[in-house]
Amino acid sequence: MKTDAGIIESIYDEYSRKLYLASYRILGNAQEAEDVMQDTLLKVCTTQDISKIDNIGGFLYKSCVNRCLDILRKRQRQKSLSQELKNADAEEDGIPEEEKTQKGLIGRIISLIACLPESCRQIVSLKLIEGYDYQEIAQITSLNESSIRSKFMRGRQMLSVSLKKEGISL
């Protein structure tokens, strides 16, 4: 750790409530707001040399807001995906059988991805569903590219085995 415990405590005392309120206003959820506030303070205290930051309040607030926006984007992607699956079921009437089969297959693959271990699931989802490349995934997850590649390969292999068990061949 690059900072003194007294400095960290004073930063917590001064900014924790402000960060909590800001994240609560954005997220509308007390538990998520608490988590974001704690993550923001923990991250800045463990990864930054606080003495080199000119405006610690602005830096913390910006980090907090960015984390909240990440959570909102994730929520939106999940809602969009859920809505697409619901719409696909609702629109099945009048759709050619081939398209119905394809939509059902996509839904089944997404379900199988959701069953992967967390360490692989996020990377496989970002790569296959969201379309990110390895470098972008590295920035999002703060992992190095070689770890991402190996976790993706492991996840893809597990997904392939699950697909075979389901009798699905691509």
Protein backbone atom coordinates (compact mmCIF):
# COMPACT_ATOMS: atom_id res chain seq x y z
CA MET A 1 0.00 0.00 0.00
CA LYS A 2 1.41 3.40 -0.94
CA THR A 3 -0.39 5.55 1.64
CA ASP A 4 -0.50 6.10 5.38
CA ALA A 5 -3.42 4.60 7.32
CA GLY A 6 -4.31 8.01 8.80
CA ILE A 7 -4.66 9.53 5.33
CA ILE A 8 -6.88 6.67 4.21
CA GLU A 9 -9.07 7.04 7.28
CA SER A 10 -9.46 10.78 6.75
CA ILE A 11 -10.32 10.24 3.08
CA TYR A 12 -12.92 7.65 4.08
CA ASP A 13 -14.41 9.93 6.73
CA GLU A 14 -14.60 12.88 4.35
CA TYR A 15 -15.76 11.22 1.13
CA SER A 16 -17.58 7.96 1.93
CA ARG A 17 -20.98 9.59 2.51
CA LYS A 18 -20.67 11.81 -0.59
CA LEU A 19 -19.70 8.85 -2.78
CA TYR A 20 -22.52 6.74 -1.36
CA LEU A 21 -25.11 9.44 -2.05
CA ALA A 22 -23.80 10.04 -5.57
CA SER A 23 -23.90 6.34 -6.41
CA TYR A 24 -27.32 5.91 -4.80
CA ARG A 25 -28.72 8.75 -6.93
CA ILE A 26 -27.37 7.10 -10.06
CA LEU A 27 -28.18 3.46 -9.27
CA GLY A 28 -31.26 3.77 -7.07
CA ASN A 29 -30.17 0.76 -5.03
CA ALA A 30 -28.70 1.09 -1.53
CA GLN A 31 -26.68 -2.15 -1.61
CA GLU A 32 -25.13 -1.42 -5.01
CA ALA A 33 -24.40 2.16 -3.92
CA GLU A 34 -22.60 0.88 -0.81
CA ASP A 35 -20.60 -1.58 -2.91
CA VAL A 36 -19.59 1.10 -5.43
CA MET A 37 -18.55 3.49 -2.66
CA GLN A 38 -16.41 0.83 -1.00
CA ASP A 39 -14.92 -0.38 -4.29
CA THR A 40 -14.02 3.17 -5.28
CA LEU A 41 -12.30 3.95 -1.98
CA LEU A 42 -10.55 0.60 -1.85
CA LYS A 43 -9.30 0.85 -5.41
CA VAL A 44 -7.94 4.36 -5.06
CA CYS A 45 -6.26 3.56 -1.73
CA THR A 46 -4.61 0.39 -2.98
CA THR A 47 -3.66 1.30 -6.54
CA GLN A 48 -2.94 5.03 -6.47
CA ASP A 49 -0.30 7.15 -4.78
CA ILE A 50 -2.79 9.52 -3.17
CA SER A 51 -0.21 12.22 -2.61
CA LYS A 52 0.17 12.60 -6.39
CA ILE A 53 -3.55 13.29 -6.95
CA ASP A 54 -4.25 17.03 -7.12
CA ASN A 55 -8.00 16.94 -6.50
CA ILE A 56 -8.77 13.79 -4.52
CA GLY A 57 -12.48 14.61 -4.22
CA GLY A 58 -12.90 15.07 -7.96
CA PHE A 59 -10.86 11.97 -8.67
CA LEU A 60 -12.96 9.85 -6.29
CA TYR A 61 -16.24 11.25 -7.60
CA LYS A 62 -15.23 10.61 -11.23
CA SER A 63 -14.15 7.05 -10.39
CA CYS A 64 -17.41 6.44 -8.52
CA VAL A 65 -19.58 7.78 -11.34
CA ASN A 66 -17.68 5.72 -13.92
CA ARG A 67 -18.22 2.57 -11.85
CA CYS A 68 -21.94 3.37 -11.58
CA LEU A 69 -22.16 3.86 -15.34
CA ASP A 70 -20.48 0.49 -15.86
CA ILE A 71 -23.14 -1.12 -13.67
CA LEU A 72 -25.94 0.65 -15.55
CA ARG A 73 -24.49 -0.50 -18.89
CA LYS A 74 -24.34 -4.07 -17.60
CA ARG A 75 -27.97 -3.85 -16.43
CA GLN A 76 -29.00 -2.49 -19.83
CA ARG A 77 -27.21 -5.29 -21.69
CA GLN A 78 -28.88 -7.87 -19.45
CA LYS A 79 -32.30 -6.27 -19.96
CA SER A 80 -31.76 -6.09 -23.72
CA LEU A 81 -30.76 -9.72 -23.84
CA SER A 82 -33.77 -10.76 -21.74
CA GLN A 83 -36.07 -8.63 -23.86
CA GLU A 84 -34.67 -10.10 -27.07
CA LEU A 85 -35.33 -13.60 -25.77
CA LYS A 86 -38.90 -12.65 -24.75
CA ASN A 87 -39.52 -10.96 -28.10
CA ALA A 88 -38.17 -13.98 -29.91
CA ASP A 89 -40.70 -16.20 -28.12
CA ALA A 90 -43.56 -13.75 -28.73
CA GLU A 91 -42.77 -13.29 -32.42
CA GLU A 92 -42.56 -16.97 -33.30
CA ASP A 93 -45.93 -16.91 -35.08
CA GLY A 94 -45.49 -16.22 -38.78
CA ILE A 95 -41.73 -16.81 -38.73
CA PRO A 96 -40.31 -19.51 -40.98
CA GLU A 97 -39.35 -22.71 -39.15
CA GLU A 98 -35.64 -22.22 -39.93
CA GLU A 99 -35.61 -18.83 -38.17
CA LYS A 100 -37.47 -20.26 -35.17
CA THR A 101 -34.88 -23.00 -34.89
CA GLN A 102 -32.03 -20.50 -35.15
CA LYS A 103 -33.49 -18.24 -32.44
CA GLY A 104 -34.06 -21.23 -30.19
CA LEU A 105 -30.49 -22.33 -30.77
CA ILE A 106 -29.12 -18.90 -29.86
CA GLY A 107 -31.21 -18.84 -26.70
CA ARG A 108 -29.95 -22.30 -25.75
CA ILE A 109 -26.31 -21.31 -26.34
CA ILE A 110 -26.77 -18.22 -24.16
CA SER A 111 -28.23 -20.42 -21.44
CA LEU A 112 -25.25 -22.76 -21.66
CA ILE A 113 -22.84 -19.81 -21.45
CA ALA A 114 -24.63 -18.72 -18.27
CA CYS A 115 -23.84 -22.15 -16.78
CA LEU A 116 -20.08 -21.77 -17.27
CA PRO A 117 -17.88 -21.04 -14.23
CA GLU A 118 -17.72 -17.29 -13.45
CA SER A 119 -14.04 -17.04 -14.40
CA CYS A 120 -14.84 -18.17 -17.96
CA ARG A 121 -18.44 -16.97 -18.31
CA GLN A 122 -17.62 -13.25 -18.29
CA ILE A 123 -14.84 -13.60 -20.85
CA VAL A 124 -16.84 -15.92 -23.15
CA SER A 125 -19.83 -13.55 -22.97
CA LEU A 126 -17.72 -10.48 -23.70
CA LYS A 127 -16.04 -12.23 -26.64
CA LEU A 128 -18.94 -14.12 -28.22
CA ILE A 129 -22.02 -12.10 -27.29
CA GLU A 130 -20.68 -8.56 -26.94
CA GLY A 131 -18.05 -8.90 -29.68
CA TYR A 132 -15.09 -7.45 -27.77
CA ASP A 133 -11.55 -8.42 -28.79
CA TYR A 134 -8.96 -9.73 -26.34
CA GLN A 135 -7.36 -6.32 -25.79
CA GLU A 136 -10.70 -4.69 -24.95
CA ILE A 137 -11.59 -7.53 -22.60
CA ALA A 138 -8.23 -7.05 -20.87
CA GLN A 139 -9.08 -3.40 -20.25
CA ILE A 140 -12.56 -4.23 -18.96
CA THR A 141 -11.49 -7.03 -16.63
CA SER A 142 -8.03 -5.75 -15.64
CA LEU A 143 -6.55 -9.14 -16.56
CA ASN A 144 -3.67 -9.66 -18.95
CA GLU A 145 -4.37 -10.84 -22.49
CA SER A 146 -2.73 -14.24 -22.09
CA SER A 147 -4.98 -15.03 -19.09
CA ILE A 148 -8.01 -13.92 -21.07
CA ARG A 149 -7.05 -16.08 -24.04
CA SER A 150 -6.57 -19.18 -21.88
CA LYS A 151 -9.83 -18.59 -19.94
CA PHE A 152 -11.66 -18.04 -23.23
CA MET A 153 -10.24 -21.25 -24.68
CA ARG A 154 -11.22 -23.16 -21.50
CA GLY A 155 -14.71 -21.65 -21.57
CA ARG A 156 -15.13 -22.35 -25.27
CA GLN A 157 -14.07 -25.96 -24.72
CA MET A 158 -16.59 -26.36 -21.86
CA LEU A 159 -19.28 -24.75 -24.04
CA SER A 160 -18.44 -27.14 -26.87
CA VAL A 161 -18.79 -30.15 -24.54
CA SER A 162 -22.13 -28.82 -23.26
CA LEU A 163 -23.37 -28.29 -26.81
CA LYS A 164 -22.44 -31.87 -27.73
CA LYS A 165 -24.29 -33.18 -24.66
CA GLU A 166 -27.35 -31.21 -25.81
CA GLY A 167 -27.01 -32.75 -29.27
CA ILE A 168 -26.24 -29.39 -30.86
CA SER A 169 -23.58 -29.25 -33.54
CA LEU A 170 -22.45 -26.03 -35.13
